[in-house]
């Protein structure tokens, strides 16, 4: 008796060639529904419509097609149980040996601009997930395929095993199907999440009672942070976004650490959407950030801020790479460069450094809405720290008032400080970092590191701190080095001590009212 395959796919990539080999090489009969049946018929392949096979028409505008006992009985029937075989024979149910299903493009639909809720709802597949789950459950008796990329794997297994797919292959296919439906349900549940719940923080919706995270592996990575740690890169959702959708112009394969650093670089450069800006990072901390009248000027300033640390760094640029900037980029060893675009002449220049990874990410400003960190027995979810800085809401707490230029400099320093590991101190002048104190166990230590790095350039510079000053010692140290203006969140019970010291030393001090710890 000829075997039976059920084909019902939204993504028709490779469908016709696959179906033809099923029919001609392995003598399958085909049943199918809707657009899949039409495509097979137009290709000249013999196919029976599901409605003809079940004797029941498609109804409700296509919402009900495959939900029928002849379909699900053929999928779920256990060939080794006499009772199942007898019932299938009584009801004229043929066993189905292969189910090929992929689902309505829900995520692709909701990714389109201005999609209505009713349009999204109609792209929630019902029959497809039911068939996938039923087939995956009964992998002992049949094979389920949910990805066109697995068609050739299935054909190879048939050829190598006398026309039968072995049990271990069917089990792997079952696992893939359950992952597929789980990711599909996650996307729908996330879309329908209720943001109207009362939040504990104004303007921030509460995290949902259930938080589901799923991803499709883009590629395995050579290793993780260290060579003894395995790692892989996953894409969240069916539509590539962020670095999953970036173009890689050249360079070696991306590593785990490259990707972590690139995301940190993207977050910094997203703070500067309007003026040419460059950021150079090492180990997720900025070693040089600057803005300029041109992109090449911004990069040169960022590089000169700490040329030693820039060696082997990650560079983020907020404007298309032009020829002058490309020329500067080739003057030192860099791991990665990311920008929204790259001019053709610049590509030719960068090609001289073939090992440098050059990525094009058109939307550098679009990042995740939440951050997730794993802890023993669970994980933590928080809203991303993407608050828009508004100096108009800041409080000048010293007798000395900032000039417009000083206020702009304080804003620049504050934006950079937000992306430095806490305890964080950043010293800047002329919209360029001069010194960065990152990740120290006490704030005084970070101040000393940043000021030592800035050296004589600290004269007339500004200083930003991601947390308040519980004592006035850091303020006095900064003033002694030549700092003239300080920005910090405030909130200490001893704020007055730091303010009094700033007044006594003739500094400007501004409190933002917002803290930016980065752990």
Protein backbone atom coordinates (compact mmCIF):
# COMPACT_ATOMS: atom_id res chain seq x y z
CA UNK A 1 0.00 0.00 0.00
CA UNK A 2 1.29 3.45 -0.91
CA UNK A 3 2.25 5.68 1.96
CA UNK A 4 0.42 8.92 2.70
CA UNK A 5 1.92 12.37 3.23
CA UNK A 6 0.02 15.42 4.42
CA UNK A 7 1.45 18.75 3.22
CA UNK A 8 0.07 22.06 4.48
CA UNK A 9 2.58 24.91 4.51
CA UNK A 10 2.64 28.68 4.58
CA UNK A 11 6.32 28.86 3.60
CA UNK A 12 6.48 27.03 0.26
CA UNK A 13 10.27 27.18 -0.08
CA UNK A 14 11.44 23.93 -1.68
CA UNK A 15 7.93 22.44 -1.55
CA UNK A 16 7.51 21.41 -5.17
CA UNK A 17 10.86 19.65 -5.55
CA UNK A 18 10.36 17.88 -2.23
CA UNK A 19 6.84 16.74 -3.08
CA UNK A 20 7.95 15.53 -6.50
CA UNK A 21 10.63 13.32 -4.97
CA UNK A 22 8.14 11.94 -2.45
CA UNK A 23 5.82 10.94 -5.29
CA UNK A 24 8.28 9.76 -7.92
CA UNK A 25 11.07 8.22 -5.84
CA UNK A 26 9.25 6.96 -2.75
CA UNK A 27 5.69 6.45 -4.06
CA UNK A 28 3.82 8.66 -1.59
CA UNK A 29 0.22 9.75 -2.06
CA UNK A 30 -0.27 13.43 -1.22
CA UNK A 31 -3.13 15.16 0.56
CA UNK A 32 -3.12 18.89 1.05
CA UNK A 33 -5.26 21.94 1.75
CA UNK A 34 -5.74 25.51 0.56
CA UNK A 35 -2.86 27.24 -1.16
CA UNK A 36 -0.55 24.25 -0.76
CA UNK A 37 -2.89 22.00 -2.75
CA UNK A 38 -3.20 24.66 -5.44
CA UNK A 39 0.59 25.01 -5.73
CA UNK A 40 1.02 21.25 -6.04
CA UNK A 41 -1.73 20.99 -8.68
CA UNK A 42 -0.21 23.81 -10.71
CA UNK A 43 3.10 21.95 -10.65
CA UNK A 44 1.38 18.93 -12.18
CA UNK A 45 1.67 16.75 -9.08
CA UNK A 46 -1.12 14.34 -8.08
CA UNK A 47 -2.72 15.62 -4.87
CA UNK A 48 -6.00 15.05 -3.06
CA UNK A 49 -7.57 18.03 -1.36
CA UNK A 50 -8.20 17.59 2.35
CA UNK A 51 -11.88 18.45 1.80
CA UNK A 52 -12.19 15.62 -0.75
CA UNK A 53 -10.35 13.21 1.54
CA UNK A 54 -12.49 13.99 4.58
CA UNK A 55 -15.74 14.54 2.69
CA UNK A 56 -16.17 17.80 4.60
CA UNK A 57 -15.65 21.24 3.03
CA UNK A 58 -13.38 23.98 4.29
CA UNK A 59 -15.60 26.34 6.30
CA UNK A 60 -15.56 29.63 8.16
CA UNK A 61 -13.38 31.34 5.58
CA UNK A 62 -10.73 28.64 5.84
CA UNK A 63 -10.55 28.66 9.64
CA UNK A 64 -11.57 25.00 9.69
CA UNK A 65 -9.84 22.74 7.17
CA UNK A 66 -7.84 19.94 8.77
CA UNK A 67 -9.65 19.56 12.11
CA UNK A 68 -11.28 16.24 11.22
CA UNK A 69 -11.07 12.63 12.57
CA UNK A 70 -9.80 11.27 9.25
CA UNK A 71 -6.84 13.65 9.51
CA UNK A 72 -6.06 13.44 13.22
CA UNK A 73 -6.93 9.75 13.39
CA UNK A 74 -4.43 9.11 10.62
CA UNK A 75 -1.81 11.11 12.52
CA UNK A 76 -2.43 9.77 16.03
CA UNK A 77 -3.20 6.15 15.22
CA UNK A 78 -0.80 3.67 16.85
CA UNK A 79 0.19 1.02 14.35
CA UNK A 80 1.21 -1.46 17.08
CA UNK A 81 -2.18 -1.46 18.84
CA UNK A 82 -4.80 -3.80 17.33
CA UNK A 83 -7.64 -1.65 18.69
CA UNK A 84 -6.30 1.49 16.96
CA UNK A 85 -5.83 -0.41 13.70
CA UNK A 86 -9.34 -1.82 13.88
CA UNK A 87 -10.93 1.57 14.55
CA UNK A 88 -8.98 3.16 11.71
CA UNK A 89 -10.16 0.42 9.35
CA UNK A 90 -13.78 0.79 10.51
CA UNK A 91 -13.74 4.55 9.85
CA UNK A 92 -11.71 4.31 6.65
CA UNK A 93 -8.79 6.24 8.10
CA UNK A 94 -5.47 5.78 6.32
CA UNK A 95 -2.35 6.04 8.47
CA UNK A 96 -0.33 9.15 7.65
CA UNK A 97 3.42 8.52 7.46
CA UNK A 98 4.63 12.09 6.92
CA UNK A 99 3.24 15.43 8.08
CA UNK A 100 4.80 18.57 6.59
CA UNK A 101 3.43 21.71 8.24
CA UNK A 102 4.64 25.24 8.89
CA UNK A 103 2.46 27.90 10.34
CA UNK A 104 0.73 31.11 9.32
CA UNK A 105 3.26 34.00 9.32
CA UNK A 106 2.07 35.61 12.54
CA UNK A 107 5.35 37.30 13.47
CA UNK A 108 5.96 38.54 9.95
CA UNK A 109 2.46 40.04 10.00
CA UNK A 110 2.79 41.90 13.30
CA UNK A 111 6.22 43.20 12.21
CA UNK A 112 4.56 45.21 9.43
CA UNK A 113 3.72 48.81 10.30
CA UNK A 114 0.14 49.72 11.18
CA UNK A 115 -1.16 46.14 11.30
CA UNK A 116 -4.58 46.01 12.97
CA UNK A 117 -5.38 43.59 15.75
CA UNK A 118 -7.98 41.85 13.58
CA UNK A 119 -5.36 41.26 10.87
CA UNK A 120 -3.00 39.83 13.45
CA UNK A 121 -5.67 37.56 14.94
CA UNK A 122 -6.42 36.03 11.54
CA UNK A 123 -2.77 34.97 11.30
CA UNK A 124 -3.07 32.82 14.42
CA UNK A 125 -2.89 29.29 13.06
CA UNK A 126 -5.12 26.66 14.70
CA UNK A 127 -5.06 23.57 12.52
CA UNK A 128 -1.31 23.79 11.91
CA UNK A 129 -0.22 23.65 15.58
CA UNK A 130 -2.78 20.90 16.23
CA UNK A 131 -1.28 18.76 13.47
CA UNK A 132 2.28 19.51 14.56
CA UNK A 133 1.60 18.57 18.17
CA UNK A 134 -0.32 15.43 17.21
CA UNK A 135 2.44 14.34 14.81
CA UNK A 136 5.18 15.13 17.31
CA UNK A 137 3.38 13.12 19.98
CA UNK A 138 3.17 10.10 17.68
CA UNK A 139 6.77 10.20 16.43
CA UNK A 140 6.96 6.46 17.11
CA UNK A 141 4.83 5.97 14.00
CA UNK A 142 5.46 8.90 11.67
CA UNK A 143 7.72 11.82 10.81
CA UNK A 144 6.86 15.51 11.19
CA UNK A 145 8.72 18.29 9.36
CA UNK A 146 8.16 21.95 10.19
CA UNK A 147 11.11 23.58 8.44
CA UNK A 148 11.94 23.48 4.70
CA UNK A 149 15.57 23.21 5.71
CA UNK A 150 14.89 19.65 6.90
CA UNK A 151 13.42 18.31 3.63
CA UNK A 152 16.74 17.08 2.31
CA UNK A 153 17.59 15.52 5.67
CA UNK A 154 14.41 13.46 5.49
CA UNK A 155 15.06 12.33 1.92
CA UNK A 156 18.60 11.37 2.84
CA UNK A 157 17.36 9.25 5.74
CA UNK A 158 14.91 7.46 3.44
CA UNK A 159 17.66 6.71 0.92
CA UNK A 160 20.07 5.46 3.55
CA UNK A 161 17.54 3.33 5.44
CA UNK A 162 15.56 1.43 2.85
CA UNK A 163 12.86 4.03 2.44
CA UNK A 164 12.15 4.42 6.16
CA UNK A 165 13.05 7.27 8.51
CA UNK A 166 14.70 5.76 11.63
CA UNK A 167 13.27 6.32 15.10
CA UNK A 168 16.07 8.60 16.32
CA UNK A 169 15.51 10.93 13.35
CA UNK A 170 11.75 10.99 14.01
CA UNK A 171 12.41 11.84 17.65
CA UNK A 172 14.62 14.80 16.68
CA UNK A 173 11.91 16.00 14.28
CA UNK A 174 9.36 15.71 17.10
CA UNK A 175 11.50 17.90 19.33
CA UNK A 176 11.81 20.51 16.58
CA UNK A 177 8.04 20.58 16.15
CA UNK A 178 7.41 21.19 19.84
CA UNK A 179 10.03 23.96 19.89
CA UNK A 180 8.34 25.45 16.82
CA UNK A 181 4.87 25.54 18.37
CA UNK A 182 6.26 26.81 21.68
CA UNK A 183 7.94 29.75 19.93
CA UNK A 184 4.77 30.43 17.94
CA UNK A 185 2.62 30.51 21.08
CA UNK A 186 5.19 32.75 22.79
CA UNK A 187 4.93 35.30 19.99
CA UNK A 188 1.13 35.34 20.20
CA UNK A 189 1.06 35.56 24.00
CA UNK A 190 3.59 38.41 23.91
CA UNK A 191 1.54 40.29 21.31
CA UNK A 192 -1.60 39.93 23.40
CA UNK A 193 0.10 40.88 26.68
CA UNK A 194 -1.88 43.38 28.71
CA UNK A 195 0.10 46.59 29.31
CA UNK A 196 -2.84 48.23 31.08
CA UNK A 197 -2.02 46.78 34.52
CA UNK A 198 -1.21 49.37 37.16
CA UNK A 199 2.55 49.79 37.32
CA UNK A 200 4.67 50.30 40.42
CA UNK A 201 6.80 52.77 38.42
CA UNK A 202 4.94 55.46 36.44
CA UNK A 203 5.20 54.89 32.71
CA UNK A 204 6.65 51.40 33.14
CA UNK A 205 4.23 48.48 32.58
CA UNK A 206 4.55 45.59 34.99
CA UNK A 207 6.41 42.52 33.73
CA UNK A 208 3.89 39.82 32.72
CA UNK A 209 3.03 36.97 35.13
CA UNK A 210 4.71 34.58 32.68
CA UNK A 211 7.78 35.56 30.67
CA UNK A 212 8.60 33.31 27.75
CA UNK A 213 11.86 33.49 25.83
CA UNK A 214 12.57 31.36 22.78
CA UNK A 215 15.00 31.62 19.91
CA UNK A 216 16.12 29.90 16.75
CA UNK A 217 19.83 29.12 16.65
CA UNK A 218 21.55 31.26 14.04
CA UNK A 219 24.90 29.58 14.46
CA UNK A 220 27.04 27.81 17.02
CA UNK A 221 29.93 29.90 18.29
CA UNK A 222 33.49 28.64 18.65
CA UNK A 223 33.18 29.14 22.41
CA UNK A 224 31.75 31.52 24.99
CA UNK A 225 33.60 34.00 27.16
CA UNK A 226 36.41 31.44 27.50
CA UNK A 227 37.52 28.49 25.35
CA UNK A 228 36.15 25.88 27.79
CA UNK A 229 32.59 27.31 27.56
CA UNK A 230 30.28 26.21 24.73
CA UNK A 231 28.02 28.87 23.21
CA UNK A 232 25.57 29.59 20.41
CA UNK A 233 23.85 32.66 18.91
CA UNK A 234 20.05 32.71 18.78
CA UNK A 235 17.55 34.88 16.94
CA UNK A 236 14.39 35.82 18.82
CA UNK A 237 11.34 35.74 16.57
CA UNK A 238 10.84 34.80 12.95
CA UNK A 239 11.78 38.25 11.61
CA UNK A 240 15.50 39.07 11.91
CA UNK A 241 16.08 42.26 13.90
CA UNK A 242 19.09 43.91 15.49
CA UNK A 243 22.33 42.04 15.02
CA UNK A 244 20.43 39.00 13.75
CA UNK A 245 19.51 41.07 10.70
CA UNK A 246 22.79 42.96 10.34
CA UNK A 247 24.87 42.67 7.19
CA UNK A 248 28.45 41.47 7.68
CA UNK A 249 30.60 43.12 5.00
CA UNK A 250 33.86 41.39 5.88
CA UNK A 251 35.95 39.86 8.60
CA UNK A 252 36.34 36.73 10.65
CA UNK A 253 33.44 34.88 12.20
CA UNK A 254 31.83 36.72 15.12
CA UNK A 255 32.57 35.41 18.59
CA UNK A 256 30.50 35.43 21.77
CA UNK A 257 32.57 38.28 23.22
CA UNK A 258 32.35 40.22 19.94
CA UNK A 259 28.55 40.13 20.08
CA UNK A 260 28.41 41.14 23.75
CA UNK A 261 30.74 44.07 23.06
CA UNK A 262 28.86 45.07 19.90
CA UNK A 263 25.60 45.31 21.79
CA UNK A 264 27.26 47.45 24.47
CA UNK A 265 28.66 49.67 21.70
CA UNK A 266 25.25 49.93 20.05
CA UNK A 267 23.69 51.05 23.32
CA UNK A 268 26.22 53.85 23.73
CA UNK A 269 26.07 55.14 20.16
CA UNK A 270 22.26 55.14 20.30
CA UNK A 271 22.58 57.98 22.84
CA UNK A 272 23.82 60.26 20.04
CA UNK A 273 21.35 60.13 17.12
CA UNK A 274 21.92 63.61 15.67
CA UNK A 275 25.60 64.62 15.79
CA UNK A 276 28.46 62.57 14.27
CA UNK A 277 29.65 60.30 17.08
CA UNK A 278 32.09 57.45 17.66
CA UNK A 279 32.51 55.03 20.54
CA UNK A 280 35.40 52.62 21.13
CA UNK A 281 34.89 49.85 23.68
CA UNK A 282 36.89 47.15 25.40
CA UNK A 283 35.14 44.48 27.46
CA UNK A 284 31.80 46.38 27.26
CA UNK A 285 33.28 49.55 28.81
CA UNK A 286 33.97 52.64 26.70
CA UNK A 287 37.61 53.67 26.45
CA UNK A 288 36.87 56.56 24.08
CA UNK A 289 33.62 58.32 23.12
CA UNK A 290 33.36 61.60 21.24
CA UNK A 291 31.17 63.71 18.98
CA UNK A 292 32.47 65.99 16.25
CA UNK A 293 31.52 68.10 13.27
CA UNK A 294 32.34 65.13 11.00
CA UNK A 295 32.46 61.39 11.54
CA UNK A 296 36.21 61.22 11.03
CA UNK A 297 36.74 63.99 13.60
CA UNK A 298 34.54 62.14 16.10
CA UNK A 299 36.50 58.92 15.58
CA UNK A 300 39.87 60.64 15.85
CA UNK A 301 38.84 62.29 19.12
CA UNK A 302 37.53 59.01 20.51
CA UNK A 303 40.70 57.17 19.50
CA UNK A 304 43.04 59.81 20.95
CA UNK A 305 41.11 59.72 24.24
CA UNK A 306 42.80 56.38 25.02
CA UNK A 307 44.76 55.09 22.05
CA UNK A 308 46.37 52.35 24.13
CA UNK A 309 43.07 50.77 25.12
CA UNK A 310 41.63 51.30 21.62
CA UNK A 311 43.99 48.61 20.28
CA UNK A 312 41.82 45.55 19.63
CA UNK A 313 38.67 47.53 20.39
CA UNK A 314 35.08 47.53 19.17
CA UNK A 315 34.03 50.67 17.27
CA UNK A 316 30.49 51.97 16.85
CA UNK A 317 29.72 54.85 14.52
CA UNK A 318 26.36 56.56 14.20
CA UNK A 319 26.73 57.63 10.56
CA UNK A 320 27.69 55.79 7.34
CA UNK A 321 31.41 55.05 7.14
CA UNK A 322 33.03 57.40 4.63
CA UNK A 323 36.47 57.18 3.05
CA UNK A 324 38.31 59.47 5.54
CA UNK A 325 36.91 57.52 8.50
CA UNK A 326 37.71 54.18 6.87
CA UNK A 327 41.30 55.32 6.38
CA UNK A 328 41.60 56.13 10.09
CA UNK A 329 40.03 52.81 11.05
CA UNK A 330 42.74 50.91 9.17
CA UNK A 331 45.55 52.58 11.12
CA UNK A 332 45.20 50.32 14.17
CA UNK A 333 44.09 46.80 14.98
CA UNK A 334 40.36 46.61 15.65
CA UNK A 335 38.12 43.63 16.32
CA UNK A 336 34.80 44.97 15.00
CA UNK A 337 33.23 48.06 13.48
CA UNK A 338 29.47 48.64 13.35
CA UNK A 339 27.74 51.50 11.54
CA UNK A 340 24.37 52.17 9.86
CA UNK A 341 25.94 52.02 6.37
CA UNK A 342 29.26 52.05 4.52
CA UNK A 343 30.10 53.97 1.37
CA UNK A 344 31.55 51.98 -1.55
CA UNK A 345 34.92 53.76 -1.43
CA UNK A 346 35.11 53.12 2.30
CA UNK A 347 34.48 49.40 1.74
CA UNK A 348 37.44 49.24 -0.63
CA UNK A 349 39.67 50.92 1.96
CA UNK A 350 38.52 48.65 4.78
CA UNK A 351 39.14 45.57 2.63
CA UNK A 352 42.86 46.11 3.25
CA UNK A 353 42.15 44.94 6.82
CA UNK A 354 40.33 41.78 5.81
CA UNK A 355 40.18 40.30 9.32
CA UNK A 356 38.33 43.27 10.80
CA UNK A 357 34.65 42.43 11.21
CA UNK A 358 32.55 45.20 9.64
CA UNK A 359 28.82 45.09 10.36
CA UNK A 360 26.06 47.23 8.90
CA UNK A 361 23.13 47.76 11.26
CA UNK A 362 20.79 50.36 9.72
CA UNK A 363 18.80 50.97 12.91
CA UNK A 364 21.35 51.41 15.66
CA UNK A 365 18.76 52.96 17.96
CA UNK A 366 16.44 49.96 18.17
CA UNK A 367 17.22 47.75 21.14
CA UNK A 368 15.49 45.24 23.40
CA UNK A 369 12.66 46.41 25.64
CA UNK A 370 13.78 44.17 28.48
CA UNK A 371 17.01 42.80 29.83
CA UNK A 372 17.19 39.25 31.16
CA UNK A 373 19.73 37.81 33.58
CA UNK A 374 19.88 34.23 34.82
CA UNK A 375 20.17 33.39 38.52
CA UNK A 376 20.19 29.99 40.19
CA UNK A 377 16.70 28.55 39.87
CA UNK A 378 15.29 31.30 37.68
CA UNK A 379 15.92 34.57 35.93
CA UNK A 380 15.39 38.30 36.35
CA UNK A 381 13.61 40.60 33.91
CA UNK A 382 13.71 44.38 33.93
CA UNK A 383 12.77 47.18 31.56
CA UNK A 384 15.73 48.43 29.55
CA UNK A 385 17.40 51.59 30.84
CA UNK A 386 16.34 53.71 27.89
CA UNK A 387 15.12 56.81 29.72
CA UNK A 388 15.46 59.96 27.61
CA UNK A 389 17.75 62.43 29.34
CA UNK A 390 16.19 65.88 29.82
CA UNK A 391 18.54 68.48 31.38
CA UNK A 392 15.53 70.75 31.83
CA UNK A 393 14.47 68.47 34.69
CA UNK A 394 17.89 68.53 36.36
CA UNK A 395 18.50 70.55 39.51
CA UNK A 396 21.44 72.92 39.84
CA UNK A 397 22.26 72.74 43.56
CA UNK A 398 25.33 75.01 43.74
CA UNK A 399 25.74 78.76 43.83
CA UNK A 400 27.68 78.62 40.61
CA UNK A 401 25.41 78.07 37.60
CA UNK A 402 26.44 76.11 34.50
CA UNK A 403 26.92 77.93 31.21
CA UNK A 404 25.00 76.53 28.22
CA UNK A 405 28.20 74.90 26.99
CA UNK A 406 28.89 73.36 30.40
CA UNK A 407 25.34 72.01 30.55
CA UNK A 408 25.82 70.39 27.12
CA UNK A 409 29.11 68.91 28.31
CA UNK A 410 27.49 67.57 31.46
CA UNK A 411 24.80 65.93 29.34
CA UNK A 412 27.45 64.28 27.15
CA UNK A 413 29.33 62.99 30.20
CA UNK A 414 26.11 61.74 31.79
CA UNK A 415 25.10 59.81 28.65
CA UNK A 416 28.46 58.05 28.52
CA UNK A 417 28.55 57.36 32.27
CA UNK A 418 25.24 55.51 31.94
CA UNK A 419 27.04 52.79 29.95
CA UNK A 420 30.07 52.30 32.20
CA UNK A 421 30.10 49.47 34.74
CA UNK A 422 29.26 50.73 38.23
CA UNK A 423 30.86 52.27 40.20
CA UNK A 424 31.26 54.55 37.20
CA UNK A 425 33.09 57.85 36.83
CA UNK A 426 33.58 59.63 33.50
CA UNK A 427 35.68 62.76 32.89
CA UNK A 428 35.05 64.70 29.67
CA UNK A 429 35.86 67.92 27.87
CA UNK A 430 35.06 69.16 24.37
CA UNK A 431 32.48 66.29 24.07
CA UNK A 432 35.27 63.73 24.41
CA UNK A 433 36.03 61.27 27.18
CA UNK A 434 39.31 61.95 28.95
CA UNK A 435 39.17 59.37 31.70
CA UNK A 436 36.92 56.45 32.64
CA UNK A 437 36.81 54.73 36.02
CA UNK A 438 34.78 51.53 35.72
CA UNK A 439 33.65 48.69 37.94
CA UNK A 440 35.52 49.61 41.11
CA UNK A 441 34.40 48.43 44.52
CA UNK A 442 34.27 52.01 45.80
CA UNK A 443 33.53 55.31 44.09
CA UNK A 444 36.70 56.98 45.33
CA UNK A 445 38.73 54.37 43.47
CA UNK A 446 36.83 55.05 40.23
CA UNK A 447 37.38 58.80 40.64
CA UNK A 448 41.11 58.33 41.07
CA UNK A 449 41.38 56.06 38.01
CA UNK A 450 39.43 58.45 35.78
CA UNK A 451 41.38 61.51 36.93
CA UNK A 452 44.72 59.76 36.62
CA UNK A 453 43.85 58.80 33.06
CA UNK A 454 42.75 62.34 32.23
CA UNK A 455 45.92 63.82 33.72
CA UNK A 456 46.50 67.50 32.99
CA UNK A 457 43.54 67.50 30.59
CA UNK A 458 41.26 67.37 33.64
CA UNK A 459 41.85 71.11 34.06
CA UNK A 460 38.49 72.72 33.20
CA UNK A 461 36.82 69.35 32.56
CA UNK A 462 33.53 67.89 33.78
CA UNK A 463 32.91 64.74 35.82
CA UNK A 464 29.90 62.40 35.83
CA UNK A 465 29.12 59.79 38.49
CA UNK A 466 26.47 57.09 38.01
CA UNK A 467 25.68 57.12 41.75
CA UNK A 468 25.53 59.72 44.49
CA UNK A 469 28.49 60.80 46.64
CA UNK A 470 27.92 59.62 50.23
CA UNK A 471 30.91 61.73 51.32
CA UNK A 472 32.55 64.88 50.03
CA UNK A 473 35.97 63.25 49.47
CA UNK A 474 35.36 62.52 45.77
CA UNK A 475 34.26 66.10 45.15
CA UNK A 476 37.40 67.46 46.78
CA UNK A 477 39.60 65.04 44.82
CA UNK A 478 37.91 66.09 41.56
CA UNK A 479 38.34 69.81 42.30
CA UNK A 480 42.01 69.32 43.16
CA UNK A 481 42.55 67.76 39.72
CA UNK A 482 40.93 70.74 37.96
CA UNK A 483 37.31 69.56 37.49
CA UNK A 484 34.92 72.53 37.26
CA UNK A 485 31.50 70.84 36.94
CA UNK A 486 29.96 67.63 38.30
CA UNK A 487 26.78 65.74 37.40
CA UNK A 488 25.41 63.03 39.66
CA UNK A 489 21.99 61.58 40.53
CA UNK A 490 21.81 62.81 44.12
CA UNK A 491 19.71 61.01 46.72
CA UNK A 492 22.21 60.54 49.53
CA UNK A 493 21.29 61.51 53.08
CA UNK A 494 24.55 63.45 52.99
CA UNK A 495 24.03 65.28 49.68
CA UNK A 496 24.47 68.54 51.55
CA UNK A 497 28.07 67.65 52.38
CA UNK A 498 28.98 67.26 48.71
CA UNK A 499 27.04 70.40 47.78
CA UNK A 500 28.79 72.44 50.50
CA UNK A 501 32.18 71.19 49.28
CA UNK A 502 31.28 72.09 45.69
CA UNK A 503 30.27 75.60 46.78
CA UNK A 504 33.42 76.05 48.84
CA UNK A 505 35.55 74.96 45.87
CA UNK A 506 33.64 76.97 43.25
CA UNK A 507 32.27 73.97 41.30
CA UNK A 508 29.04 73.56 39.40
CA UNK A 509 27.01 70.59 40.65
CA UNK A 510 23.90 69.26 38.96
CA UNK A 511 21.60 66.53 40.31
CA UNK A 512 19.71 64.48 37.71
CA UNK A 513 17.33 62.62 40.02
CA UNK A 514 17.97 59.50 37.92
CA UNK A 515 20.48 56.75 38.73
CA UNK A 516 22.18 54.61 36.08
CA UNK A 517 23.83 51.66 37.81
CA UNK A 518 25.10 49.05 35.34
CA UNK A 519 25.93 45.64 36.83
